[in-house]
């Protein structure tokens, strides 16, 4: 990291005081989408990132909309962008007198182009916009000057509070906002399999799966033994040997089908119960959980749960 450019970007974007107030400085976690930051802080951080990149051309789309007038003037007059090409889209008319070229747009089309003085001489909508802004500013100043002494005393105080509110970090937690993800290492253990059966209420199905599997293996063994024994002894006719072998094989196939059907139903039921419980825990979680857990982590766990459910179901089938 370029330390000098980093410090310059912070000062140019009026973020040095914010960094001092943050509990962990520039290592403070700002939460999902900057939930513990004001709109002005978000805009100034984005602008500081652009300044730090040291690009040749900057396209700024209304960067002063969420900051006060004093901060907006500081950002507009920053020295870091003096030698850069800046394309500024703004509604702040007070800054237009200091730009090199102005493009006036109406209904998505460029209607006027020129310098500030040239556009004022045309007597068009741009002049009306500037005059309306100056009239509103004059009216506001006159209303403030006509107020009583108490209001005049309280007004700077309110402005100071509003300015400090933008960079205030008193409501930030003293610890990092995002909690570390908890993971368990090692084998699954018997408790996992017990929960798998208990959640699906499938003790009867589990016993049925074990019994059908045992019968299937026994029939396979008996069919093989019967075929080998009768061929060597030759005490039975070919029709009897083939008939008994066919009955045993058919019965073993039937038990294998029943085992697979019950196992698939058992696995699907368990997976559905696990997934429903997981989704209920997410949707019924308190808001603090979503503040301290990134959305990407939640989505990753959901996708893993879905993939695990499909994998277990496909294996049982």
C-alpha atoms as a PDB file:
ATOM      1  CA  UNK A   1       0.000   0.000   0.000  1.00  0.00           C
ATOM      2  CA  UNK A   2       1.221   3.498  -0.862  1.00  0.00           C
ATOM      3  CA  UNK A   3       1.150   5.213   2.531  1.00  0.00           C
ATOM      4  CA  UNK A   4       1.613   8.783   1.317  1.00  0.00           C
ATOM      5  CA  UNK A   5      -1.161   8.519  -1.295  1.00  0.00           C
ATOM      6  CA  UNK A   6      -3.362   6.796   1.266  1.00  0.00           C
ATOM      7  CA  UNK A   7      -2.986   9.593   3.815  1.00  0.00           C
ATOM      8  CA  UNK A   8      -3.518  12.215   1.118  1.00  0.00           C
ATOM      9  CA  UNK A   9      -6.753  10.553  -0.020  1.00  0.00           C
ATOM     10  CA  UNK A  10      -8.060  10.530   3.559  1.00  0.00           C
ATOM     11  CA  UNK A  11      -7.305  14.214   4.092  1.00  0.00           C
ATOM     12  CA  UNK A  12      -8.665  15.310   0.735  1.00  0.00           C
ATOM     13  CA  UNK A  13     -11.957  13.524   1.403  1.00  0.00           C
ATOM     14  CA  UNK A  14     -12.212  14.766   5.025  1.00  0.00           C
ATOM     15  CA  UNK A  15     -11.916  11.258   6.437  1.00  0.00           C
ATOM     16  CA  UNK A  16      -8.985  11.800   8.802  1.00  0.00           C
ATOM     17  CA  UNK A  17     -11.261  12.868  11.655  1.00  0.00           C
ATOM     18  CA  UNK A  18     -13.551   9.900  11.030  1.00  0.00           C
ATOM     19  CA  UNK A  19     -10.623   7.500  11.251  1.00  0.00           C
ATOM     20  CA  UNK A  20      -9.655   8.971  14.612  1.00  0.00           C
ATOM     21  CA  UNK A  21     -13.172   8.444  15.962  1.00  0.00           C
ATOM     22  CA  UNK A  22     -13.548   4.886  14.681  1.00  0.00           C
ATOM     23  CA  UNK A  23     -12.803   2.341  17.447  1.00  0.00           C
ATOM     24  CA  UNK A  24     -10.388   0.386  15.222  1.00  0.00           C
ATOM     25  CA  UNK A  25      -9.312   3.133  12.854  1.00  0.00           C
ATOM     26  CA  UNK A  26      -9.259   2.112   9.213  1.00  0.00           C
ATOM     27  CA  UNK A  27      -9.570  -1.548  10.284  1.00  0.00           C
ATOM     28  CA  UNK A  28     -13.063  -1.011  11.695  1.00  0.00           C
ATOM     29  CA  UNK A  29     -15.628  -3.312  10.131  1.00  0.00           C
ATOM     30  CA  UNK A  30     -18.461  -1.321   8.617  1.00  0.00           C
ATOM     31  CA  UNK A  31     -20.934  -4.199   8.386  1.00  0.00           C
ATOM     32  CA  UNK A  32     -23.008  -5.363   5.475  1.00  0.00           C
ATOM     33  CA  UNK A  33     -23.290  -2.456   2.991  1.00  0.00           C
ATOM     34  CA  UNK A  34     -21.932  -0.069   5.606  1.00  0.00           C
ATOM     35  CA  UNK A  35     -24.920  -0.354   7.936  1.00  0.00           C
ATOM     36  CA  UNK A  36     -23.182   1.521  10.776  1.00  0.00           C
ATOM     37  CA  UNK A  37     -22.100   4.466   8.620  1.00  0.00           C
ATOM     38  CA  UNK A  38     -23.871   7.604   7.474  1.00  0.00           C
ATOM     39  CA  UNK A  39     -24.588   8.398   3.847  1.00  0.00           C
ATOM     40  CA  UNK A  40     -21.933  11.107   3.810  1.00  0.00           C
ATOM     41  CA  UNK A  41     -19.288   8.744   5.148  1.00  0.00           C
ATOM     42  CA  UNK A  42     -20.134   6.175   2.473  1.00  0.00           C
ATOM     43  CA  UNK A  43     -19.819   8.773  -0.283  1.00  0.00           C
ATOM     44  CA  UNK A  44     -16.535  10.131   1.031  1.00  0.00           C
ATOM     45  CA  UNK A  45     -15.058   6.633   1.360  1.00  0.00           C
ATOM     46  CA  UNK A  46     -16.009   5.854  -2.232  1.00  0.00           C
ATOM     47  CA  UNK A  47     -14.486   9.137  -3.341  1.00  0.00           C
ATOM     48  CA  UNK A  48     -11.314   8.393  -1.357  1.00  0.00           C
ATOM     49  CA  UNK A  49     -10.995   5.045  -3.132  1.00  0.00           C
ATOM     50  CA  UNK A  50     -11.219   6.828  -6.461  1.00  0.00           C
ATOM     51  CA  UNK A  51      -8.612   9.406  -5.421  1.00  0.00           C
ATOM     52  CA  UNK A  52      -6.260   6.690  -4.177  1.00  0.00           C
ATOM     53  CA  UNK A  53      -6.474   4.876  -7.530  1.00  0.00           C
ATOM     54  CA  UNK A  54      -4.764   7.923  -9.141  1.00  0.00           C
ATOM     55  CA  UNK A  55      -6.657   7.656 -12.423  1.00  0.00           C
ATOM     56  CA  UNK A  56      -6.451  10.124 -15.303  1.00  0.00           C
ATOM     57  CA  UNK A  57     -10.209  10.575 -15.747  1.00  0.00           C
ATOM     58  CA  UNK A  58     -12.837  10.664 -12.980  1.00  0.00           C
ATOM     59  CA  UNK A  59     -16.576  10.328 -13.547  1.00  0.00           C
ATOM     60  CA  UNK A  60     -18.396  11.579 -10.425  1.00  0.00           C
ATOM     61  CA  UNK A  61     -22.161  11.171 -10.271  1.00  0.00           C
ATOM     62  CA  UNK A  62     -23.543  13.673  -7.734  1.00  0.00           C
ATOM     63  CA  UNK A  63     -20.886  13.015  -5.051  1.00  0.00           C
ATOM     64  CA  UNK A  64     -22.125  15.850  -2.788  1.00  0.00           C
ATOM     65  CA  UNK A  65     -25.733  14.745  -2.333  1.00  0.00           C
ATOM     66  CA  UNK A  66     -25.266  13.262   1.168  1.00  0.00           C
ATOM     67  CA  UNK A  67     -22.818  15.763   2.696  1.00  0.00           C
ATOM     68  CA  UNK A  68     -23.301  19.230   4.142  1.00  0.00           C
ATOM     69  CA  UNK A  69     -22.337  22.439   2.346  1.00  0.00           C
ATOM     70  CA  UNK A  70     -19.009  22.853   4.147  1.00  0.00           C
ATOM     71  CA  UNK A  71     -17.894  19.286   3.408  1.00  0.00           C
ATOM     72  CA  UNK A  72     -19.101  19.588  -0.185  1.00  0.00           C
ATOM     73  CA  UNK A  73     -16.956  22.691  -0.683  1.00  0.00           C
ATOM     74  CA  UNK A  74     -13.955  20.864   0.796  1.00  0.00           C
ATOM     75  CA  UNK A  75     -14.435  17.920  -1.537  1.00  0.00           C
ATOM     76  CA  UNK A  76     -14.941  20.134  -4.580  1.00  0.00           C
ATOM     77  CA  UNK A  77     -11.764  22.122  -3.938  1.00  0.00           C
ATOM     78  CA  UNK A  78      -9.537  19.118  -3.187  1.00  0.00           C
ATOM     79  CA  UNK A  79      -6.017  19.485  -4.536  1.00  0.00           C
ATOM     80  CA  UNK A  80      -5.715  15.817  -5.510  1.00  0.00           C
ATOM     81  CA  UNK A  81      -7.881  16.288  -8.618  1.00  0.00           C
ATOM     82  CA  UNK A  82      -6.491  19.608  -9.858  1.00  0.00           C
ATOM     83  CA  UNK A  83      -4.456  18.001 -12.649  1.00  0.00           C
ATOM     84  CA  UNK A  84      -7.081  15.374 -13.513  1.00  0.00           C
ATOM     85  CA  UNK A  85      -9.947  15.317 -15.966  1.00  0.00           C
ATOM     86  CA  UNK A  86     -13.151  15.302 -13.921  1.00  0.00           C
ATOM     87  CA  UNK A  87     -16.617  14.811 -15.396  1.00  0.00           C
ATOM     88  CA  UNK A  88     -19.001  15.955 -12.670  1.00  0.00           C
ATOM     89  CA  UNK A  89     -22.744  15.304 -12.669  1.00  0.00           C
ATOM     90  CA  UNK A  90     -24.316  17.489 -10.009  1.00  0.00           C
ATOM     91  CA  UNK A  91     -27.331  19.516  -8.957  1.00  0.00           C
ATOM     92  CA  UNK A  92     -25.268  21.907  -6.824  1.00  0.00           C
ATOM     93  CA  UNK A  93     -25.431  25.126  -8.837  1.00  0.00           C
ATOM     94  CA  UNK A  94     -22.977  26.969  -6.566  1.00  0.00           C
ATOM     95  CA  UNK A  95     -20.048  24.930  -7.939  1.00  0.00           C
ATOM     96  CA  UNK A  96     -20.715  25.607 -11.623  1.00  0.00           C
ATOM     97  CA  UNK A  97     -18.878  28.925 -11.702  1.00  0.00           C
ATOM     98  CA  UNK A  98     -15.570  27.136 -11.033  1.00  0.00           C
ATOM     99  CA  UNK A  99     -15.738  24.483 -13.751  1.00  0.00           C
ATOM    100  CA  UNK A 100     -14.192  24.734 -17.213  1.00  0.00           C
ATOM    101  CA  UNK A 101     -17.114  23.553 -19.305  1.00  0.00           C
ATOM    102  CA  UNK A 102     -20.809  23.041 -18.606  1.00  0.00           C
ATOM    103  CA  UNK A 103     -23.238  20.746 -20.396  1.00  0.00           C
ATOM    104  CA  UNK A 104     -26.923  21.350 -19.632  1.00  0.00           C
ATOM    105  CA  UNK A 105     -29.174  18.313 -20.088  1.00  0.00           C
ATOM    106  CA  UNK A 106     -32.948  18.257 -20.385  1.00  0.00           C
ATOM    107  CA  UNK A 107     -34.955  15.064 -20.878  1.00  0.00           C
ATOM    108  CA  UNK A 108     -31.820  13.046 -21.550  1.00  0.00           C
ATOM    109  CA  UNK A 109     -30.450  15.383 -24.246  1.00  0.00           C
ATOM    110  CA  UNK A 110     -27.745  18.056 -24.177  1.00  0.00           C
ATOM    111  CA  UNK A 111     -29.464  21.386 -24.794  1.00  0.00           C
ATOM    112  CA  UNK A 112     -26.667  23.840 -23.951  1.00  0.00           C
ATOM    113  CA  UNK A 113     -22.890  23.858 -23.832  1.00  0.00           C
ATOM    114  CA  UNK A 114     -20.362  26.473 -22.833  1.00  0.00           C
ATOM    115  CA  UNK A 115     -18.684  28.201 -19.934  1.00  0.00           C
ATOM    116  CA  UNK A 116     -20.523  29.595 -16.943  1.00  0.00           C
ATOM    117  CA  UNK A 117     -20.426  33.177 -18.255  1.00  0.00           C
ATOM    118  CA  UNK A 118     -21.478  32.162 -21.763  1.00  0.00           C
ATOM    119  CA  UNK A 119     -24.512  30.242 -20.562  1.00  0.00           C
ATOM    120  CA  UNK A 120     -25.638  33.144 -18.375  1.00  0.00           C
ATOM    121  CA  UNK A 121     -25.645  35.466 -21.387  1.00  0.00           C
ATOM    122  CA  UNK A 122     -27.957  33.232 -23.410  1.00  0.00           C
ATOM    123  CA  UNK A 123     -30.937  33.962 -21.162  1.00  0.00           C
ATOM    124  CA  UNK A 124     -32.195  30.385 -21.266  1.00  0.00           C
ATOM    125  CA  UNK A 125     -33.173  27.762 -18.710  1.00  0.00           C
ATOM    126  CA  UNK A 126     -29.672  27.709 -17.232  1.00  0.00           C
ATOM    127  CA  UNK A 127     -29.916  31.372 -16.243  1.00  0.00           C
ATOM    128  CA  UNK A 128     -33.318  30.737 -14.696  1.00  0.00           C
ATOM    129  CA  UNK A 129     -31.872  27.843 -12.711  1.00  0.00           C
ATOM    130  CA  UNK A 130     -29.000  29.956 -11.384  1.00  0.00           C
ATOM    131  CA  UNK A 131     -31.307  32.869 -10.538  1.00  0.00           C
ATOM    132  CA  UNK A 132     -33.733  30.563  -8.739  1.00  0.00           C
ATOM    133  CA  UNK A 133     -30.884  29.155  -6.673  1.00  0.00           C
ATOM    134  CA  UNK A 134     -29.617  32.619  -5.766  1.00  0.00           C
ATOM    135  CA  UNK A 135     -33.133  33.808  -4.862  1.00  0.00           C
ATOM    136  CA  UNK A 136     -33.713  30.822  -2.594  1.00  0.00           C
ATOM    137  CA  UNK A 137     -30.344  31.356  -0.944  1.00  0.00           C
ATOM    138  CA  UNK A 138     -31.079  35.055  -0.400  1.00  0.00           C
ATOM    139  CA  UNK A 139     -34.493  34.254   1.063  1.00  0.00           C
ATOM    140  CA  UNK A 140     -32.986  31.700   3.410  1.00  0.00           C
ATOM    141  CA  UNK A 141     -30.310  34.132   4.591  1.00  0.00           C
ATOM    142  CA  UNK A 142     -32.881  36.866   5.228  1.00  0.00           C
ATOM    143  CA  UNK A 143     -35.098  34.498   7.224  1.00  0.00           C
ATOM    144  CA  UNK A 144     -32.182  33.471   9.382  1.00  0.00           C
ATOM    145  CA  UNK A 145     -31.147  37.095  10.020  1.00  0.00           C
ATOM    146  CA  UNK A 146     -34.698  38.066  11.066  1.00  0.00           C
ATOM    147  CA  UNK A 147     -34.961  35.414  13.774  1.00  0.00           C
ATOM    148  CA  UNK A 148     -34.598  36.201  17.461  1.00  0.00           C
ATOM    149  CA  UNK A 149     -31.413  36.144  19.468  1.00  0.00           C
ATOM    150  CA  UNK A 150     -32.208  32.755  20.985  1.00  0.00           C
ATOM    151  CA  UNK A 151     -32.752  31.202  17.590  1.00  0.00           C
ATOM    152  CA  UNK A 152     -29.556  32.822  16.325  1.00  0.00           C
ATOM    153  CA  UNK A 153     -27.743  31.309  19.264  1.00  0.00           C
ATOM    154  CA  UNK A 154     -29.207  27.855  18.733  1.00  0.00           C
ATOM    155  CA  UNK A 155     -28.798  27.779  14.952  1.00  0.00           C
ATOM    156  CA  UNK A 156     -24.979  27.379  14.891  1.00  0.00           C
ATOM    157  CA  UNK A 157     -25.331  24.791  17.603  1.00  0.00           C
ATOM    158  CA  UNK A 158     -27.784  22.789  15.523  1.00  0.00           C
ATOM    159  CA  UNK A 159     -25.556  23.110  12.489  1.00  0.00           C
ATOM    160  CA  UNK A 160     -22.609  21.930  14.512  1.00  0.00           C
ATOM    161  CA  UNK A 161     -24.604  18.959  15.743  1.00  0.00           C
ATOM    162  CA  UNK A 162     -25.646  18.130  12.200  1.00  0.00           C
ATOM    163  CA  UNK A 163     -22.050  18.317  11.020  1.00  0.00           C
ATOM    164  CA  UNK A 164     -20.812  16.183  13.865  1.00  0.00           C
ATOM    165  CA  UNK A 165     -23.613  13.676  13.326  1.00  0.00           C
ATOM    166  CA  UNK A 166     -22.183  12.851   9.947  1.00  0.00           C
ATOM    167  CA  UNK A 167     -18.887  11.704  11.412  1.00  0.00           C
ATOM    168  CA  UNK A 168     -20.111  10.597  14.807  1.00  0.00           C
ATOM    169  CA  UNK A 169     -19.207   7.051  15.742  1.00  0.00           C
ATOM    170  CA  UNK A 170     -20.599   6.977  19.241  1.00  0.00           C
ATOM    171  CA  UNK A 171     -23.051   4.246  18.331  1.00  0.00           C
ATOM    172  CA  UNK A 172     -20.356   1.970  16.962  1.00  0.00           C
ATOM    173  CA  UNK A 173     -19.639  -1.163  18.967  1.00  0.00           C
ATOM    174  CA  UNK A 174     -16.363  -1.478  20.810  1.00  0.00           C
ATOM    175  CA  UNK A 175     -15.703  -4.823  19.137  1.00  0.00           C
ATOM    176  CA  UNK A 176     -15.698  -5.902  15.545  1.00  0.00           C
ATOM    177  CA  UNK A 177     -19.206  -6.115  14.119  1.00  0.00           C
ATOM    178  CA  UNK A 178     -18.870  -9.273  12.036  1.00  0.00           C
ATOM    179  CA  UNK A 179     -18.402 -12.378  14.133  1.00  0.00           C
ATOM    180  CA  UNK A 180     -16.084 -15.192  13.138  1.00  0.00           C
ATOM    181  CA  UNK A 181     -17.725 -18.211  11.565  1.00  0.00           C
ATOM    182  CA  UNK A 182     -17.971 -21.169  13.924  1.00  0.00           C
ATOM    183  CA  UNK A 183     -16.770 -24.480  12.536  1.00  0.00           C
ATOM    184  CA  UNK A 184     -16.425 -27.899  14.105  1.00  0.00           C
ATOM    185  CA  UNK A 185     -13.501 -30.104  13.201  1.00  0.00           C
ATOM    186  CA  UNK A 186     -13.228 -33.875  13.418  1.00  0.00           C
ATOM    187  CA  UNK A 187     -15.560 -36.769  12.712  1.00  0.00           C
ATOM    188  CA  UNK A 188     -19.311 -36.544  12.598  1.00  0.00           C
ATOM    189  CA  UNK A 189     -19.848 -38.864  15.565  1.00  0.00           C
ATOM    190  CA  UNK A 190     -22.868 -40.970  16.455  1.00  0.00           C
ATOM    191  CA  UNK A 191     -24.910 -37.946  17.510  1.00  0.00           C
ATOM    192  CA  UNK A 192     -25.110 -36.737  13.910  1.00  0.00           C
ATOM    193  CA  UNK A 193     -26.603 -40.020  12.707  1.00  0.00           C
ATOM    194  CA  UNK A 194     -28.927 -40.142  15.697  1.00  0.00           C
ATOM    195  CA  UNK A 195     -30.175 -36.636  14.914  1.00  0.00           C
ATOM    196  CA  UNK A 196     -30.601 -37.641  11.282  1.00  0.00           C
ATOM    197  CA  UNK A 197     -32.961 -40.432  12.318  1.00  0.00           C
ATOM    198  CA  UNK A 198     -34.689 -38.504  15.110  1.00  0.00           C
ATOM    199  CA  UNK A 199     -35.493 -35.443  13.000  1.00  0.00           C
ATOM    200  CA  UNK A 200     -37.206 -37.538  10.341  1.00  0.00           C
ATOM    201  CA  UNK A 201     -38.921 -39.746  12.961  1.00  0.00           C
ATOM    202  CA  UNK A 202     -37.725 -42.706  10.950  1.00  0.00           C
ATOM    203  CA  UNK A 203     -36.800 -45.360  13.497  1.00  0.00           C
ATOM    204  CA  UNK A 204     -39.343 -47.755  12.011  1.00  0.00           C
ATOM    205  CA  UNK A 205     -38.066 -47.035   8.507  1.00  0.00           C
ATOM    206  CA  UNK A 206     -34.485 -47.598   9.656  1.00  0.00           C
ATOM    207  CA  UNK A 207     -35.373 -50.983  11.141  1.00  0.00           C
ATOM    208  CA  UNK A 208     -37.233 -51.889   7.947  1.00  0.00           C
ATOM    209  CA  UNK A 209     -34.207 -50.932   5.840  1.00  0.00           C
ATOM    210  CA  UNK A 210     -31.915 -53.114   7.951  1.00  0.00           C
ATOM    211  CA  UNK A 211     -34.290 -56.107   7.808  1.00  0.00           C
ATOM    212  CA  UNK A 212     -34.820 -55.903   4.047  1.00  0.00           C
ATOM    213  CA  UNK A 213     -31.073 -55.589   3.516  1.00  0.00           C
ATOM    214  CA  UNK A 214     -30.432 -58.666   5.665  1.00  0.00           C
ATOM    215  CA  UNK A 215     -33.071 -60.685   3.801  1.00  0.00           C
ATOM    216  CA  UNK A 216     -31.651 -59.528   0.457  1.00  0.00           C
ATOM    217  CA  UNK A 217     -28.122 -60.620   1.395  1.00  0.00           C
ATOM    218  CA  UNK A 218     -29.398 -63.928   2.793  1.00  0.00           C
ATOM    219  CA  UNK A 219     -31.360 -64.719  -0.378  1.00  0.00           C
ATOM    220  CA  UNK A 220     -28.366 -63.864  -2.546  1.00  0.00           C
ATOM    221  CA  UNK A 221     -26.198 -66.206  -0.497  1.00  0.00           C
ATOM    222  CA  UNK A 222     -28.807 -69.003  -0.504  1.00  0.00           C
ATOM    223  CA  UNK A 223     -29.345 -68.721  -4.260  1.00  0.00           C
ATOM    224  CA  UNK A 224     -25.626 -69.026  -4.911  1.00  0.00           C
ATOM    225  CA  UNK A 225     -25.284 -71.917  -2.452  1.00  0.00           C
ATOM    226  CA  UNK A 226     -28.313 -73.723  -3.941  1.00  0.00           C
ATOM    227  CA  UNK A 227     -26.972 -73.453  -7.464  1.00  0.00           C
ATOM    228  CA  UNK A 228     -23.506 -74.688  -6.497  1.00  0.00           C
ATOM    229  CA  UNK A 229     -24.783 -77.568  -4.334  1.00  0.00           C
ATOM    230  CA  UNK A 230     -27.346 -78.937  -6.811  1.00  0.00           C
ATOM    231  CA  UNK A 231     -24.957 -78.831  -9.756  1.00  0.00           C
ATOM    232  CA  UNK A 232     -22.390 -80.918  -7.874  1.00  0.00           C
ATOM    233  CA  UNK A 233     -24.840 -83.473  -6.426  1.00  0.00           C
ATOM    234  CA  UNK A 234     -27.111 -83.780  -9.475  1.00  0.00           C
ATOM    235  CA  UNK A 235     -29.958 -85.103  -7.316  1.00  0.00           C
ATOM    236  CA  UNK A 236     -32.503 -82.675  -8.761  1.00  0.00           C
ATOM    237  CA  UNK A 237     -33.624 -82.120 -12.286  1.00  0.00           C
ATOM    238  CA  UNK A 238     -32.624 -79.048 -14.219  1.00  0.00           C
ATOM    239  CA  UNK A 239     -36.173 -77.695 -14.089  1.00  0.00           C
ATOM    240  CA  UNK A 240     -36.279 -77.819 -10.279  1.00  0.00           C
ATOM    241  CA  UNK A 241     -32.811 -76.279  -9.939  1.00  0.00           C
ATOM    242  CA  UNK A 242     -33.604 -73.411 -12.266  1.00  0.00           C
ATOM    243  CA  UNK A 243     -37.057 -72.880 -10.757  1.00  0.00           C
ATOM    244  CA  UNK A 244     -35.805 -72.647  -7.155  1.00  0.00           C
ATOM    245  CA  UNK A 245     -32.942 -70.390  -8.221  1.00  0.00           C
ATOM    246  CA  UNK A 246     -35.344 -68.118 -10.119  1.00  0.00           C
ATOM    247  CA  UNK A 247     -37.664 -67.851  -7.106  1.00  0.00           C
ATOM    248  CA  UNK A 248     -34.790 -66.929  -4.778  1.00  0.00           C
ATOM    249  CA  UNK A 249     -33.394 -64.389  -7.226  1.00  0.00           C
ATOM    250  CA  UNK A 250     -36.811 -62.816  -7.786  1.00  0.00           C
ATOM    251  CA  UNK A 251     -37.407 -62.596  -4.044  1.00  0.00           C
ATOM    252  CA  UNK A 252     -33.993 -60.994  -3.481  1.00  0.00           C
ATOM    253  CA  UNK A 253     -34.719 -58.427  -6.206  1.00  0.00           C
ATOM    254  CA  UNK A 254     -38.066 -57.660  -4.586  1.00  0.00           C
ATOM    255  CA  UNK A 255     -36.464 -57.083  -1.191  1.00  0.00           C
ATOM    256  CA  UNK A 256     -33.749 -54.945  -2.824  1.00  0.00           C
ATOM    257  CA  UNK A 257     -36.445 -52.798  -4.438  1.00  0.00           C
ATOM    258  CA  UNK A 258     -38.286 -52.416  -1.128  1.00  0.00           C
ATOM    259  CA  UNK A 259     -35.022 -51.511   0.610  1.00  0.00           C
ATOM    260  CA  UNK A 260     -34.173 -48.843  -1.984  1.00  0.00           C
ATOM    261  CA  UNK A 261     -37.688 -47.401  -1.896  1.00  0.00           C
ATOM    262  CA  UNK A 262     -37.767 -47.170   1.900  1.00  0.00           C
ATOM    263  CA  UNK A 263     -34.225 -45.748   2.033  1.00  0.00           C
ATOM    264  CA  UNK A 264     -35.068 -43.073  -0.533  1.00  0.00           C
ATOM    265  CA  UNK A 265     -38.208 -42.105   1.370  1.00  0.00           C
ATOM    266  CA  UNK A 266     -36.265 -42.055   4.636  1.00  0.00           C
ATOM    267  CA  UNK A 267     -33.469 -39.881   3.222  1.00  0.00           C
ATOM    268  CA  UNK A 268     -35.850 -37.487   1.498  1.00  0.00           C
ATOM    269  CA  UNK A 269     -37.907 -37.061   4.651  1.00  0.00           C
ATOM    270  CA  UNK A 270     -34.813 -36.411   6.772  1.00  0.00           C
ATOM    271  CA  UNK A 271     -33.391 -33.933   4.257  1.00  0.00           C
ATOM    272  CA  UNK A 272     -36.696 -32.070   4.066  1.00  0.00           C
ATOM    273  CA  UNK A 273     -36.908 -31.797   7.853  1.00  0.00           C
ATOM    274  CA  UNK A 274     -33.314 -30.575   8.125  1.00  0.00           C
ATOM    275  CA  UNK A 275     -33.832 -27.996   5.394  1.00  0.00           C
ATOM    276  CA  UNK A 276     -37.121 -26.758   6.867  1.00  0.00           C
ATOM    277  CA  UNK A 277     -35.521 -26.370  10.280  1.00  0.00           C
ATOM    278  CA  UNK A 278     -32.579 -24.532   8.766  1.00  0.00           C
ATOM    279  CA  UNK A 279     -34.796 -22.104   6.852  1.00  0.00           C
ATOM    280  CA  UNK A 280     -36.979 -21.502   9.915  1.00  0.00           C
ATOM    281  CA  UNK A 281     -33.906 -20.649  11.971  1.00  0.00           C
ATOM    282  CA  UNK A 282     -32.773 -18.154   9.314  1.00  0.00           C
ATOM    283  CA  UNK A 283     -36.131 -16.430   8.796  1.00  0.00           C
ATOM    284  CA  UNK A 284     -36.870 -16.281  12.517  1.00  0.00           C
ATOM    285  CA  UNK A 285     -33.399 -15.096  13.511  1.00  0.00           C
ATOM    286  CA  UNK A 286     -33.110 -11.675  15.214  1.00  0.00           C
ATOM    287  CA  UNK A 287     -31.829  -8.694  13.250  1.00  0.00           C
ATOM    288  CA  UNK A 288     -28.558  -8.794  15.188  1.00  0.00           C
ATOM    289  CA  UNK A 289     -27.765 -12.076  13.436  1.00  0.00           C
ATOM    290  CA  UNK A 290     -27.988 -10.427  10.004  1.00  0.00           C
ATOM    291  CA  UNK A 291     -25.950  -7.444  11.212  1.00  0.00           C
ATOM    292  CA  UNK A 292     -23.115  -9.663  12.435  1.00  0.00           C
ATOM    293  CA  UNK A 293     -23.302 -12.310   9.693  1.00  0.00           C
ATOM    294  CA  UNK A 294     -22.469 -11.386   6.083  1.00  0.00           C
ATOM    295  CA  UNK A 295     -25.074 -12.244   3.471  1.00  0.00           C
ATOM    296  CA  UNK A 296     -22.496 -14.223   1.504  1.00  0.00           C
ATOM    297  CA  UNK A 297     -21.895 -16.519   4.462  1.00  0.00           C
ATOM    298  CA  UNK A 298     -25.632 -17.156   4.856  1.00  0.00           C
ATOM    299  CA  UNK A 299     -26.007 -17.907   1.144  1.00  0.00           C
ATOM    300  CA  UNK A 300     -23.021 -20.262   1.263  1.00  0.00           C
ATOM    301  CA  UNK A 301     -24.529 -22.220   4.125  1.00  0.00           C
ATOM    302  CA  UNK A 302     -27.898 -22.412   2.379  1.00  0.00           C
ATOM    303  CA  UNK A 303     -26.312 -23.693  -0.830  1.00  0.00           C
ATOM    304  CA  UNK A 304     -24.253 -26.230   1.085  1.00  0.00           C
ATOM    305  CA  UNK A 305     -27.372 -27.441   2.858  1.00  0.00           C
ATOM    306  CA  UNK A 306     -29.260 -27.787  -0.431  1.00  0.00           C
ATOM    307  CA  UNK A 307     -26.356 -29.606  -2.096  1.00  0.00           C
ATOM    308  CA  UNK A 308     -25.976 -31.922   0.896  1.00  0.00           C
ATOM    309  CA  UNK A 309     -29.692 -32.712   0.801  1.00  0.00           C
ATOM    310  CA  UNK A 310     -29.626 -33.541  -2.899  1.00  0.00           C
ATOM    311  CA  UNK A 311     -26.431 -35.581  -2.523  1.00  0.00           C
ATOM    312  CA  UNK A 312     -27.770 -37.655   0.342  1.00  0.00           C
ATOM    313  CA  UNK A 313     -31.039 -38.245  -1.492  1.00  0.00           C
ATOM    314  CA  UNK A 314     -29.307 -39.298  -4.718  1.00  0.00           C
ATOM    315  CA  UNK A 315     -27.025 -41.690  -2.855  1.00  0.00           C
ATOM    316  CA  UNK A 316     -29.938 -43.346  -1.099  1.00  0.00           C
ATOM    317  CA  UNK A 317     -31.728 -43.773  -4.392  1.00  0.00           C
END
